[in-house]
Amino acid sequence: MSIYPPPHVNPPAKVFGTGVSGHRYEFHLYPVGTTFIQAPGIYVPCRQAPNGRWDPHYVGEAEDLYDRLTLRLRGHHKLAGMQRLGSTHFGIWFFTGSDDHRLWHETNLRHGLRPPLNDQ
């Protein structure tokens, strides 16, 4: 398993999203197809719009991003929607808190961003 980005590569770009609570989240952008590390986190498939902003398509959380977005991405229940909307990147927030806390942040962000592929 490799870690992205390799140490000699510039760090990934950052994007920001705001949850319904007003909490501001910082995400690192990784291209779809990246091999992720085994770590918990929140992920947001997205693409850059013509105006330069990044459009979020979905907000999800995973106990293991490597398992969810590297090994099992082809079986993701929203993959067809991500492809239809043209998702090119994942915004990733690596999260080391408790499962309950991660779920709270995922819900907070989902309700703040209201992405089209989430069932609010």
PDB file of N, CA and C in Angstrom:
ATOM      1  N   MET A   1       0.855  -1.174   0.000  1.00  0.00           N
ATOM      2  CA  MET A   1       0.000   0.000   0.000  1.00  0.00           C
ATOM      3  C   MET A   1       0.896   1.230   0.000  1.00  0.00           C
ATOM      4  N   SER A   2       0.573   2.220  -0.807  1.00  0.00           N
ATOM      5  CA  SER A   2       1.346   3.450  -0.842  1.00  0.00           C
ATOM      6  C   SER A   2       0.582   4.570  -0.138  1.00  0.00           C
ATOM      7  N   ILE A   3       1.334   5.548   0.258  1.00  0.00           N
ATOM      8  CA  ILE A   3       0.742   6.721   0.899  1.00  0.00           C
ATOM      9  C   ILE A   3       0.765   7.847  -0.116  1.00  0.00           C
ATOM     10  N   TYR A   4      -0.334   8.545  -0.253  1.00  0.00           N
ATOM     11  CA  TYR A   4      -0.403   9.647  -1.195  1.00  0.00           C
ATOM     12  C   TYR A   4      -0.434  10.948  -0.423  1.00  0.00           C
ATOM     13  N   PRO A   5       0.252  11.988  -0.803  1.00  0.00           N
ATOM     14  CA  PRO A   5       1.238  12.012  -1.875  1.00  0.00           C
ATOM     15  C   PRO A   5       2.581  11.508  -1.383  1.00  0.00           C
ATOM     16  N   PRO A   6       3.424  11.027  -2.297  1.00  0.00           N
ATOM     17  CA  PRO A   6       4.776  10.642  -1.898  1.00  0.00           C
ATOM     18  C   PRO A   6       5.488  11.848  -1.280  1.00  0.00           C
ATOM     19  N   PRO A   7       6.467  11.629  -0.416  1.00  0.00           N
ATOM     20  CA  PRO A   7       7.109  12.728   0.307  1.00  0.00           C
ATOM     21  C   PRO A   7       7.707  13.815  -0.582  1.00  0.00           C
ATOM     22  N   HIS A   8       8.133  13.488  -1.795  1.00  0.00           N
ATOM     23  CA  HIS A   8       8.775  14.464  -2.666  1.00  0.00           C
ATOM     24  C   HIS A   8       7.791  15.272  -3.511  1.00  0.00           C
ATOM     25  N   VAL A   9       6.507  15.009  -3.391  1.00  0.00           N
ATOM     26  CA  VAL A   9       5.486  15.691  -4.180  1.00  0.00           C
ATOM     27  C   VAL A   9       4.873  16.813  -3.346  1.00  0.00           C
ATOM     28  N   ASN A  10       4.520  17.901  -4.012  1.00  0.00           N
ATOM     29  CA  ASN A  10       3.879  19.012  -3.306  1.00  0.00           C
ATOM     30  C   ASN A  10       2.620  18.541  -2.603  1.00  0.00           C
ATOM     31  N   PRO A  11       2.307  19.130  -1.455  1.00  0.00           N
ATOM     32  CA  PRO A  11       1.084  18.711  -0.755  1.00  0.00           C
ATOM     33  C   PRO A  11      -0.145  19.015  -1.607  1.00  0.00           C
ATOM     34  N   PRO A  12      -1.229  18.260  -1.391  1.00  0.00           N
ATOM     35  CA  PRO A  12      -2.440  18.477  -2.182  1.00  0.00           C
ATOM     36  C   PRO A  12      -3.075  19.832  -1.876  1.00  0.00           C
ATOM     37  N   ALA A  13      -3.853  20.304  -2.837  1.00  0.00           N
ATOM     38  CA  ALA A  13      -4.581  21.559  -2.658  1.00  0.00           C
ATOM     39  C   ALA A  13      -5.614  21.402  -1.551  1.00  0.00           C
ATOM     40  N   LYS A  14      -6.030  22.518  -0.979  1.00  0.00           N
ATOM     41  CA  LYS A  14      -7.018  22.508   0.089  1.00  0.00           C
ATOM     42  C   LYS A  14      -8.304  23.190  -0.375  1.00  0.00           C
ATOM     43  N   VAL A  15      -9.413  22.684   0.110  1.00  0.00           N
ATOM     44  CA  VAL A  15     -10.716  23.317  -0.079  1.00  0.00           C
ATOM     45  C   VAL A  15     -11.405  23.347   1.280  1.00  0.00           C
ATOM     46  N   PHE A  16     -12.431  24.162   1.393  1.00  0.00           N
ATOM     47  CA  PHE A  16     -13.109  24.339   2.667  1.00  0.00           C
ATOM     48  C   PHE A  16     -14.609  24.155   2.501  1.00  0.00           C
ATOM     49  N   GLY A  17     -15.243  23.638   3.528  1.00  0.00           N
ATOM     50  CA  GLY A  17     -16.689  23.485   3.551  1.00  0.00           C
ATOM     51  C   GLY A  17     -17.194  23.859   4.936  1.00  0.00           C
ATOM     52  N   THR A  18     -18.424  24.311   5.000  1.00  0.00           N
ATOM     53  CA  THR A  18     -19.000  24.738   6.277  1.00  0.00           C
ATOM     54  C   THR A  18     -20.201  23.877   6.620  1.00  0.00           C
ATOM     55  N   GLY A  19     -20.196  23.368   7.836  1.00  0.00           N
ATOM     56  CA  GLY A  19     -21.309  22.566   8.318  1.00  0.00           C
ATOM     57  C   GLY A  19     -22.477  23.433   8.724  1.00  0.00           C
ATOM     58  N   VAL A  20     -23.615  22.808   8.960  1.00  0.00           N
ATOM     59  CA  VAL A  20     -24.816  23.545   9.345  1.00  0.00           C
ATOM     60  C   VAL A  20     -24.607  24.274  10.676  1.00  0.00           C
ATOM     61  N   SER A  21     -23.691  23.785  11.506  1.00  0.00           N
ATOM     62  CA  SER A  21     -23.399  24.427  12.794  1.00  0.00           C
ATOM     63  C   SER A  21     -22.552  25.681  12.640  1.00  0.00           C
ATOM     64  N   GLY A  22     -21.978  25.886  11.447  1.00  0.00           N
ATOM     65  CA  GLY A  22     -21.057  26.990  11.221  1.00  0.00           C
ATOM     66  C   GLY A  22     -19.601  26.569  11.316  1.00  0.00           C
ATOM     67  N   HIS A  23     -19.351  25.323  11.738  1.00  0.00           N
ATOM     68  CA  HIS A  23     -17.978  24.810  11.819  1.00  0.00           C
ATOM     69  C   HIS A  23     -17.389  24.743  10.415  1.00  0.00           C
ATOM     70  N   ARG A  24     -16.173  25.252  10.255  1.00  0.00           N
ATOM     71  CA  ARG A  24     -15.495  25.264   8.956  1.00  0.00           C
ATOM     72  C   ARG A  24     -14.510  24.098   8.890  1.00  0.00           C
ATOM     73  N   TYR A  25     -14.580  23.331   7.810  1.00  0.00           N
ATOM     74  CA  TYR A  25     -13.758  22.146   7.620  1.00  0.00           C
ATOM     75  C   TYR A  25     -12.744  22.385   6.508  1.00  0.00           C
ATOM     76  N   GLU A  26     -11.537  21.872   6.715  1.00  0.00           N
ATOM     77  CA  GLU A  26     -10.483  21.952   5.705  1.00  0.00           C
ATOM     78  C   GLU A  26     -10.248  20.555   5.125  1.00  0.00           C
ATOM     79  N   PHE A  27     -10.336  20.452   3.821  1.00  0.00           N
ATOM     80  CA  PHE A  27     -10.147  19.183   3.117  1.00  0.00           C
ATOM     81  C   PHE A  27      -8.962  19.287   2.167  1.00  0.00           C
ATOM     82  N   HIS A  28      -8.252  18.181   2.014  1.00  0.00           N
ATOM     83  CA  HIS A  28      -7.202  18.084   1.010  1.00  0.00           C
ATOM     84  C   HIS A  28      -7.783  17.363  -0.203  1.00  0.00           C
ATOM     85  N   LEU A  29      -7.450  17.854  -1.386  1.00  0.00           N
ATOM     86  CA  LEU A  29      -7.969  17.281  -2.630  1.00  0.00           C
ATOM     87  C   LEU A  29      -7.035  16.211  -3.180  1.00  0.00           C
ATOM     88  N   TYR A  30      -7.614  15.058  -3.493  1.00  0.00           N
ATOM     89  CA  TYR A  30      -6.882  13.940  -4.089  1.00  0.00           C
ATOM     90  C   TYR A  30      -7.655  13.473  -5.317  1.00  0.00           C
ATOM     91  N   PRO A  31      -6.973  13.175  -6.423  1.00  0.00           N
ATOM     92  CA  PRO A  31      -7.673  12.679  -7.609  1.00  0.00           C
ATOM     93  C   PRO A  31      -8.358  11.340  -7.339  1.00  0.00           C
ATOM     94  N   VAL A  32      -9.497  11.135  -7.981  1.00  0.00           N
ATOM     95  CA  VAL A  32     -10.148   9.827  -7.933  1.00  0.00           C
ATOM     96  C   VAL A  32      -9.136   8.816  -8.475  1.00  0.00           C
ATOM     97  N   GLY A  33      -9.007   7.700  -7.809  1.00  0.00           N
ATOM     98  CA  GLY A  33      -8.028   6.687  -8.176  1.00  0.00           C
ATOM     99  C   GLY A  33      -6.812   6.679  -7.270  1.00  0.00           C
ATOM    100  N   THR A  34      -6.745   7.628  -6.353  1.00  0.00           N
ATOM    101  CA  THR A  34      -5.650   7.681  -5.386  1.00  0.00           C
ATOM    102  C   THR A  34      -5.698   6.450  -4.482  1.00  0.00           C
ATOM    103  N   THR A  35      -4.534   5.938  -4.128  1.00  0.00           N
ATOM    104  CA  THR A  35      -4.441   4.879  -3.128  1.00  0.00           C
ATOM    105  C   THR A  35      -4.321   5.566  -1.771  1.00  0.00           C
ATOM    106  N   PHE A  36      -5.344   5.427  -0.953  1.00  0.00           N
ATOM    107  CA  PHE A  36      -5.374   6.084   0.351  1.00  0.00           C
ATOM    108  C   PHE A  36      -4.738   5.217   1.425  1.00  0.00           C
ATOM    109  N   ILE A  37      -4.378   5.847   2.527  1.00  0.00           N
ATOM    110  CA  ILE A  37      -3.846   5.127   3.679  1.00  0.00           C
ATOM    111  C   ILE A  37      -5.005   4.562   4.492  1.00  0.00           C
ATOM    112  N   GLN A  38      -4.687   3.623   5.362  1.00  0.00           N
ATOM    113  CA  GLN A  38      -5.693   3.067   6.264  1.00  0.00           C
ATOM    114  C   GLN A  38      -5.873   4.049   7.412  1.00  0.00           C
ATOM    115  N   ALA A  39      -6.899   4.870   7.294  1.00  0.00           N
ATOM    116  CA  ALA A  39      -7.173   5.893   8.300  1.00  0.00           C
ATOM    117  C   ALA A  39      -8.644   6.263   8.215  1.00  0.00           C
ATOM    118  N   PRO A  40      -9.232   6.661   9.337  1.00  0.00           N
ATOM    119  CA  PRO A  40     -10.616   7.123   9.306  1.00  0.00           C
ATOM    120  C   PRO A  40     -10.697   8.541   8.755  1.00  0.00           C
ATOM    121  N   GLY A  41     -11.875   8.880   8.224  1.00  0.00           N
ATOM    122  CA  GLY A  41     -12.034  10.238   7.731  1.00  0.00           C
ATOM    123  C   GLY A  41     -13.387  10.488   7.109  1.00  0.00           C
ATOM    124  N   ILE A  42     -13.534  11.707   6.661  1.00  0.00           N
ATOM    125  CA  ILE A  42     -14.725  12.154   5.930  1.00  0.00           C
ATOM    126  C   ILE A  42     -14.264  12.469   4.512  1.00  0.00           C
ATOM    127  N   TYR A  43     -15.064  12.051   3.539  1.00  0.00           N
ATOM    128  CA  TYR A  43     -14.695  12.252   2.144  1.00  0.00           C
ATOM    129  C   TYR A  43     -15.832  12.924   1.385  1.00  0.00           C
ATOM    130  N   VAL A  44     -15.440  13.751   0.402  1.00  0.00           N
ATOM    131  CA  VAL A  44     -16.405  14.491  -0.407  1.00  0.00           C
ATOM    132  C   VAL A  44     -15.987  14.382  -1.872  1.00  0.00           C
ATOM    133  N   PRO A  45     -16.657  13.515  -2.663  1.00  0.00           N
ATOM    134  CA  PRO A  45     -16.389  13.503  -4.096  1.00  0.00           C
ATOM    135  C   PRO A  45     -16.833  14.841  -4.690  1.00  0.00           C
ATOM    136  N   CYS A  46     -16.027  15.401  -5.586  1.00  0.00           N
ATOM    137  CA  CYS A  46     -16.328  16.739  -6.099  1.00  0.00           C
ATOM    138  C   CYS A  46     -15.652  16.953  -7.452  1.00  0.00           C
ATOM    139  N   ARG A  47     -15.949  18.082  -8.050  1.00  0.00           N
ATOM    140  CA  ARG A  47     -15.271  18.500  -9.280  1.00  0.00           C
ATOM    141  C   ARG A  47     -15.207  20.019  -9.278  1.00  0.00           C
ATOM    142  N   GLN A  48     -14.262  20.538 -10.034  1.00  0.00           N
ATOM    143  CA  GLN A  48     -14.106  21.982 -10.104  1.00  0.00           C
ATOM    144  C   GLN A  48     -15.055  22.538 -11.155  1.00  0.00           C
ATOM    145  N   ALA A  49     -15.819  23.530 -10.759  1.00  0.00           N
ATOM    146  CA  ALA A  49     -16.779  24.177 -11.661  1.00  0.00           C
ATOM    147  C   ALA A  49     -16.058  25.224 -12.515  1.00  0.00           C
ATOM    148  N   PRO A  50     -16.688  25.663 -13.613  1.00  0.00           N
ATOM    149  CA  PRO A  50     -16.066  26.686 -14.458  1.00  0.00           C
ATOM    150  C   PRO A  50     -15.705  27.970 -13.711  1.00  0.00           C
ATOM    151  N   ASN A  51     -16.433  28.268 -12.622  1.00  0.00           N
ATOM    152  CA  ASN A  51     -16.138  29.488 -11.862  1.00  0.00           C
ATOM    153  C   ASN A  51     -14.981  29.305 -10.875  1.00  0.00           C
ATOM    154  N   GLY A  52     -14.372  28.098 -10.861  1.00  0.00           N
ATOM    155  CA  GLY A  52     -13.227  27.836  -9.998  1.00  0.00           C
ATOM    156  C   GLY A  52     -13.565  27.210  -8.659  1.00  0.00           C
ATOM    157  N   ARG A  53     -14.830  27.234  -8.289  1.00  0.00           N
ATOM    158  CA  ARG A  53     -15.242  26.628  -7.021  1.00  0.00           C
ATOM    159  C   ARG A  53     -15.333  25.116  -7.196  1.00  0.00           C
ATOM    160  N   TRP A  54     -15.287  24.406  -6.085  1.00  0.00           N
ATOM    161  CA  TRP A  54     -15.403  22.947  -6.110  1.00  0.00           C
ATOM    162  C   TRP A  54     -16.814  22.562  -5.700  1.00  0.00           C
ATOM    163  N   ASP A  55     -17.514  21.845  -6.569  1.00  0.00           N
ATOM    164  CA  ASP A  55     -18.882  21.409  -6.296  1.00  0.00           C
ATOM    165  C   ASP A  55     -18.871  20.070  -5.571  1.00  0.00           C
ATOM    166  N   PRO A  56     -19.411  20.013  -4.342  1.00  0.00           N
ATOM    167  CA  PRO A  56     -19.493  18.734  -3.634  1.00  0.00           C
ATOM    168  C   PRO A  56     -20.644  17.903  -4.178  1.00  0.00           C
ATOM    169  N   HIS A  57     -20.416  16.606  -4.362  1.00  0.00           N
ATOM    170  CA  HIS A  57     -21.458  15.733  -4.888  1.00  0.00           C
ATOM    171  C   HIS A  57     -22.046  14.819  -3.819  1.00  0.00           C
ATOM    172  N   TYR A  58     -21.275  14.570  -2.777  1.00  0.00           N
ATOM    173  CA  TYR A  58     -21.688  13.625  -1.739  1.00  0.00           C
ATOM    174  C   TYR A  58     -20.803  13.869  -0.531  1.00  0.00           C
ATOM    175  N   VAL A  59     -21.302  13.600   0.661  1.00  0.00           N
ATOM    176  CA  VAL A  59     -20.485  13.611   1.879  1.00  0.00           C
ATOM    177  C   VAL A  59     -20.621  12.238   2.518  1.00  0.00           C
ATOM    178  N   GLY A  60     -19.493  11.595   2.759  1.00  0.00           N
ATOM    179  CA  GLY A  60     -19.495  10.283   3.385  1.00  0.00           C
ATOM    180  C   GLY A  60     -18.408  10.185   4.436  1.00  0.00           C
ATOM    181  N   GLU A  61     -18.484   9.149   5.221  1.00  0.00           N
ATOM    182  CA  GLU A  61     -17.466   8.920   6.242  1.00  0.00           C
ATOM    183  C   GLU A  61     -17.048   7.463   6.176  1.00  0.00           C
ATOM    184  N   ALA A  62     -15.830   7.207   6.625  1.00  0.00           N
ATOM    185  CA  ALA A  62     -15.318   5.843   6.594  1.00  0.00           C
ATOM    186  C   ALA A  62     -14.391   5.608   7.781  1.00  0.00           C
ATOM    187  N   GLU A  63     -14.498   4.430   8.348  1.00  0.00           N
ATOM    188  CA  GLU A  63     -13.565   4.028   9.397  1.00  0.00           C
ATOM    189  C   GLU A  63     -12.186   3.775   8.790  1.00  0.00           C
ATOM    190  N   ASP A  64     -12.178   3.388   7.497  1.00  0.00           N
ATOM    191  CA  ASP A  64     -10.935   3.066   6.807  1.00  0.00           C
ATOM    192  C   ASP A  64     -11.045   3.581   5.365  1.00  0.00           C
ATOM    193  N   LEU A  65     -10.406   4.712   5.078  1.00  0.00           N
ATOM    194  CA  LEU A  65     -10.487   5.302   3.740  1.00  0.00           C
ATOM    195  C   LEU A  65      -9.846   4.413   2.676  1.00  0.00           C
ATOM    196  N   TYR A  66      -8.809   3.684   3.041  1.00  0.00           N
ATOM    197  CA  TYR A  66      -8.188   2.750   2.086  1.00  0.00           C
ATOM    198  C   TYR A  66      -9.210   1.710   1.644  1.00  0.00           C
ATOM    199  N   ASP A  67      -9.912   1.127   2.593  1.00  0.00           N
ATOM    200  CA  ASP A  67     -10.911   0.114   2.276  1.00  0.00           C
ATOM    201  C   ASP A  67     -12.057   0.713   1.456  1.00  0.00           C
ATOM    202  N   ARG A  68     -12.562   1.868   1.877  1.00  0.00           N
ATOM    203  CA  ARG A  68     -13.757   2.455   1.250  1.00  0.00           C
ATOM    204  C   ARG A  68     -13.491   3.035  -0.132  1.00  0.00           C
ATOM    205  N   LEU A  69     -12.376   3.774  -0.275  1.00  0.00           N
ATOM    206  CA  LEU A  69     -12.147   4.534  -1.509  1.00  0.00           C
ATOM    207  C   LEU A  69     -11.091   3.935  -2.425  1.00  0.00           C
ATOM    208  N   THR A  70     -10.342   2.960  -1.925  1.00  0.00           N
ATOM    209  CA  THR A  70      -9.342   2.302  -2.768  1.00  0.00           C
ATOM    210  C   THR A  70      -9.806   0.891  -3.124  1.00  0.00           C
ATOM    211  N   LEU A  71     -10.023   0.068  -2.122  1.00  0.00           N
ATOM    212  CA  LEU A  71     -10.398  -1.328  -2.392  1.00  0.00           C
ATOM    213  C   LEU A  71     -11.834  -1.478  -2.881  1.00  0.00           C
ATOM    214  N   ARG A  72     -12.776  -0.729  -2.278  1.00  0.00           N
ATOM    215  CA  ARG A  72     -14.199  -0.983  -2.552  1.00  0.00           C
ATOM    216  C   ARG A  72     -14.914   0.159  -3.263  1.00  0.00           C
ATOM    217  N   LEU A  73     -14.183   1.073  -3.888  1.00  0.00           N
ATOM    218  CA  LEU A  73     -14.838   2.195  -4.564  1.00  0.00           C
ATOM    219  C   LEU A  73     -15.787   1.722  -5.658  1.00  0.00           C
ATOM    220  N   ARG A  74     -15.410   0.678  -6.398  1.00  0.00           N
ATOM    221  CA  ARG A  74     -16.274   0.180  -7.487  1.00  0.00           C
ATOM    222  C   ARG A  74     -17.633  -0.297  -6.986  1.00  0.00           C
ATOM    223  N   GLY A  75     -17.724  -0.662  -5.721  1.00  0.00           N
ATOM    224  CA  GLY A  75     -18.983  -1.104  -5.148  1.00  0.00           C
ATOM    225  C   GLY A  75     -19.710  -0.028  -4.368  1.00  0.00           C
ATOM    226  N   HIS A  76     -19.219   1.210  -4.422  1.00  0.00           N
ATOM    227  CA  HIS A  76     -19.854   2.294  -3.661  1.00  0.00           C
ATOM    228  C   HIS A  76     -21.268   2.528  -4.174  1.00  0.00           C
ATOM    229  N   HIS A  77     -22.215   2.660  -3.262  1.00  0.00           N
ATOM    230  CA  HIS A  77     -23.625   2.796  -3.634  1.00  0.00           C
ATOM    231  C   HIS A  77     -23.930   4.099  -4.386  1.00  0.00           C
ATOM    232  N   LYS A  78     -23.026   5.065  -4.388  1.00  0.00           N
ATOM    233  CA  LYS A  78     -23.240   6.322  -5.112  1.00  0.00           C
ATOM    234  C   LYS A  78     -22.258   6.513  -6.270  1.00  0.00           C
ATOM    235  N   LEU A  79     -21.524   5.463  -6.639  1.00  0.00           N
ATOM    236  CA  LEU A  79     -20.521   5.591  -7.692  1.00  0.00           C
ATOM    237  C   LEU A  79     -21.125   6.046  -9.018  1.00  0.00           C
ATOM    238  N   ALA A  80     -22.242   5.478  -9.416  1.00  0.00           N
ATOM    239  CA  ALA A  80     -22.864   5.876 -10.696  1.00  0.00           C
ATOM    240  C   ALA A  80     -23.208   7.369 -10.684  1.00  0.00           C
ATOM    241  N   GLY A  81     -23.709   7.858  -9.569  1.00  0.00           N
ATOM    242  CA  GLY A  81     -24.012   9.286  -9.451  1.00  0.00           C
ATOM    243  C   GLY A  81     -22.760  10.140  -9.496  1.00  0.00           C
ATOM    244  N   MET A  82     -21.703   9.693  -8.842  1.00  0.00           N
ATOM    245  CA  MET A  82     -20.428  10.421  -8.875  1.00  0.00           C
ATOM    246  C   MET A  82     -19.919  10.521 -10.310  1.00  0.00           C
ATOM    247  N   GLN A  83     -20.015   9.419 -11.042  1.00  0.00           N
ATOM    248  CA  GLN A  83     -19.563   9.415 -12.431  1.00  0.00           C
ATOM    249  C   GLN A  83     -20.449  10.318 -13.290  1.00  0.00           C
ATOM    250  N   ARG A  84     -21.754  10.253 -13.067  1.00  0.00           N
ATOM    251  CA  ARG A  84     -22.685  11.086 -13.840  1.00  0.00           C
ATOM    252  C   ARG A  84     -22.416  12.572 -13.610  1.00  0.00           C
ATOM    253  N   LEU A  85     -22.092  12.951 -12.371  1.00  0.00           N
ATOM    254  CA  LEU A  85     -21.822  14.351 -12.041  1.00  0.00           C
ATOM    255  C   LEU A  85     -20.393  14.774 -12.370  1.00  0.00           C
ATOM    256  N   GLY A  86     -19.560  13.820 -12.738  1.00  0.00           N
ATOM    257  CA  GLY A  86     -18.196  14.142 -13.149  1.00  0.00           C
ATOM    258  C   GLY A  86     -17.212  14.336 -12.009  1.00  0.00           C
ATOM    259  N   SER A  87     -17.396  13.618 -10.910  1.00  0.00           N
ATOM    260  CA  SER A  87     -16.452  13.725  -9.790  1.00  0.00           C
ATOM    261  C   SER A  87     -15.041  13.378 -10.264  1.00  0.00           C
ATOM    262  N   THR A  88     -14.110  14.274 -10.022  1.00  0.00           N
ATOM    263  CA  THR A  88     -12.714  14.059 -10.422  1.00  0.00           C
ATOM    264  C   THR A  88     -11.790  13.924  -9.213  1.00  0.00           C
ATOM    265  N   HIS A  89     -12.241  14.399  -8.060  1.00  0.00           N
ATOM    266  CA  HIS A  89     -11.412  14.425  -6.859  1.00  0.00           C
ATOM    267  C   HIS A  89     -12.225  14.027  -5.635  1.00  0.00           C
ATOM    268  N   PHE A  90     -11.494  13.668  -4.583  1.00  0.00           N
ATOM    269  CA  PHE A  90     -12.080  13.511  -3.263  1.00  0.00           C
ATOM    270  C   PHE A  90     -11.482  14.575  -2.359  1.00  0.00           C
ATOM    271  N   GLY A  91     -12.339  15.319  -1.681  1.00  0.00           N
ATOM    272  CA  GLY A  91     -11.886  16.150  -0.579  1.00  0.00           C
ATOM    273  C   GLY A  91     -11.822  15.237   0.634  1.00  0.00           C
ATOM    274  N   ILE A  92     -10.681  15.197   1.308  1.00  0.00           N
ATOM    275  CA  ILE A  92     -10.484  14.268   2.421  1.00  0.00           C
ATOM    276  C   ILE A  92     -10.144  15.045   3.691  1.00  0.00           C
ATOM    277  N   TRP A  93     -10.828  14.702   4.776  1.00  0.00           N
ATOM    278  CA  TRP A  93     -10.490  15.188   6.107  1.00  0.00           C
ATOM    279  C   TRP A  93     -10.162  13.950   6.934  1.00  0.00           C
ATOM    280  N   PHE A  94      -8.881  13.729   7.165  1.00  0.00           N
ATOM    281  CA  PHE A  94      -8.462  12.606   8.003  1.00  0.00           C
ATOM    282  C   PHE A  94      -8.863  12.923   9.433  1.00  0.00           C
ATOM    283  N   PHE A  95      -9.533  11.982  10.071  1.00  0.00           N
ATOM    284  CA  PHE A  95     -10.136  12.236  11.375  1.00  0.00           C
ATOM    285  C   PHE A  95      -9.762  11.134  12.344  1.00  0.00           C
ATOM    286  N   THR A  96      -9.211  11.493  13.480  1.00  0.00           N
ATOM    287  CA  THR A  96      -8.741  10.489  14.430  1.00  0.00           C
ATOM    288  C   THR A  96      -9.590  10.409  15.695  1.00  0.00           C
ATOM    289  N   GLY A  97     -10.703  11.111  15.749  1.00  0.00           N
ATOM    290  CA  GLY A  97     -11.571  11.060  16.925  1.00  0.00           C
ATOM    291  C   GLY A  97     -12.410   9.795  16.949  1.00  0.00           C
ATOM    292  N   SER A  98     -13.378   9.768  17.854  1.00  0.00           N
ATOM    293  CA  SER A  98     -14.254   8.606  18.003  1.00  0.00           C
ATOM    294  C   SER A  98     -15.184   8.454  16.801  1.00  0.00           C
ATOM    295  N   ASP A  99     -15.717   7.246  16.649  1.00  0.00           N
ATOM    296  CA  ASP A  99     -16.687   6.992  15.576  1.00  0.00           C
ATOM    297  C   ASP A  99     -17.886   7.920  15.698  1.00  0.00           C
ATOM    298  N   ASP A 100     -18.406   8.084  16.916  1.00  0.00           N
ATOM    299  CA  ASP A 100     -19.570   8.955  17.123  1.00  0.00           C
ATOM    300  C   ASP A 100     -19.261  10.395  16.732  1.00  0.00           C
ATOM    301  N   HIS A 101     -18.082  10.861  17.067  1.00  0.00           N
ATOM    302  CA  HIS A 101     -17.685  12.230  16.733  1.00  0.00           C
ATOM    303  C   HIS A 101     -17.535  12.382  15.216  1.00  0.00           C
ATOM    304  N   ARG A 102     -16.936  11.374  14.554  1.00  0.00           N
ATOM    305  CA  ARG A 102     -16.808  11.405  13.092  1.00  0.00           C
ATOM    306  C   ARG A 102     -18.185  11.457  12.426  1.00  0.00           C
ATOM    307  N   LEU A 103     -19.127  10.649  12.925  1.00  0.00           N
ATOM    308  CA  LEU A 103     -20.482  10.646  12.372  1.00  0.00           C
ATOM    309  C   LEU A 103     -21.168  11.989  12.581  1.00  0.00           C
ATOM    310  N   TRP A 104     -20.933  12.607  13.736  1.00  0.00           N
ATOM    311  CA  TRP A 104     -21.525  13.930  13.988  1.00  0.00           C
ATOM    312  C   TRP A 104     -21.009  14.938  12.966  1.00  0.00           C
ATOM    313  N   HIS A 105     -19.687  14.937  12.716  1.00  0.00           N
ATOM    314  CA  HIS A 105     -19.110  15.879  11.749  1.00  0.00           C
ATOM    315  C   HIS A 105     -19.603  15.585  10.337  1.00  0.00           C
ATOM    316  N   GLU A 106     -19.738  14.325   9.987  1.00  0.00           N
ATOM    317  CA  GLU A 106     -20.253  13.975   8.652  1.00  0.00           C
ATOM    318  C   GLU A 106     -21.669  14.506   8.483  1.00  0.00           C
ATOM    319  N   THR A 107     -22.513  14.322   9.475  1.00  0.00           N
ATOM    320  CA  THR A 107     -23.896  14.813   9.416  1.00  0.00           C
ATOM    321  C   THR A 107     -23.930  16.332   9.374  1.00  0.00           C
ATOM    322  N   ASN A 108     -23.124  16.973  10.186  1.00  0.00           N
ATOM    323  CA  ASN A 108     -23.053  18.431  10.219  1.00  0.00           C
ATOM    324  C   ASN A 108     -22.658  18.977   8.847  1.00  0.00           C
ATOM    325  N   LEU A 109     -21.648  18.391   8.248  1.00  0.00           N
ATOM    326  CA  LEU A 109     -21.189  18.846   6.939  1.00  0.00           C
ATOM    327  C   LEU A 109     -22.213  18.537   5.849  1.00  0.00           C
ATOM    328  N   ARG A 110     -22.785  17.360   5.901  1.00  0.00           N
ATOM    329  CA  ARG A 110     -23.797  16.972   4.904  1.00  0.00           C
ATOM    330  C   ARG A 110     -24.969  17.946   4.914  1.00  0.00           C
ATOM    331  N   HIS A 111     -25.424  18.329   6.093  1.00  0.00           N
ATOM    332  CA  HIS A 111     -26.548  19.259   6.196  1.00  0.00           C
ATOM    333  C   HIS A 111     -26.147  20.683   5.827  1.00  0.00           C
ATOM    334  N   GLY A 112     -24.876  21.014   5.994  1.00  0.00           N
ATOM    335  CA  GLY A 112     -24.403  22.337   5.597  1.00  0.00           C
ATOM    336  C   GLY A 112     -24.202  22.464   4.102  1.00  0.00           C
ATOM    337  N   LEU A 113     -23.637  21.431   3.475  1.00  0.00           N
ATOM    338  CA  LEU A 113     -23.361  21.476   2.033  1.00  0.00           C
ATOM    339  C   LEU A 113     -24.552  21.071   1.176  1.00  0.00           C
ATOM    340  N   ARG A 114     -25.379  20.173   1.691  1.00  0.00           N
ATOM    341  CA  ARG A 114     -26.545  19.657   0.976  1.00  0.00           C
ATOM    342  C   ARG A 114     -26.188  19.160  -0.435  1.00  0.00           C
ATOM    343  N   PRO A 115     -25.241  18.225  -0.538  1.00  0.00           N
ATOM    344  CA  PRO A 115     -24.841  17.727  -1.854  1.00  0.00           C
ATOM    345  C   PRO A 115     -25.941  16.878  -2.493  1.00  0.00           C
ATOM    346  N   PRO A 116     -25.996  16.862  -3.814  1.00  0.00           N
ATOM    347  CA  PRO A 116     -27.113  16.227  -4.519  1.00  0.00           C
ATOM    348  C   PRO A 116     -27.222  14.710  -4.343  1.00  0.00           C
ATOM    349  N   LEU A 117     -26.133  14.011  -4.044  1.00  0.00           N
ATOM    350  CA  LEU A 117     -26.205  12.547  -3.944  1.00  0.00           C
ATOM    351  C   LEU A 117     -26.525  12.048  -2.545  1.00  0.00           C
ATOM    352  N   ASN A 118     -26.558  12.937  -1.565  1.00  0.00           N
ATOM    353  CA  ASN A 118     -26.928  12.515  -0.211  1.00  0.00           C
ATOM    354  C   ASN A 118     -28.435  12.579  -0.039  1.00  0.00           C
ATOM    355  N   ASP A 119     -28.971  11.600   0.660  1.00  0.00           N
ATOM    356  CA  ASP A 119     -30.373  11.635   1.058  1.00  0.00           C
ATOM    357  C   ASP A 119     -30.401  12.365   2.392  1.00  0.00           C
ATOM    358  N   GLN A 120     -30.791  13.607   2.360  1.00  0.00           N
ATOM    359  CA  GLN A 120     -30.716  14.444   3.554  1.00  0.00           C
ATOM    360  C   GLN A 120     -31.621  13.900   4.625  1.00  0.00           C
TER     361      GLN A 120
END
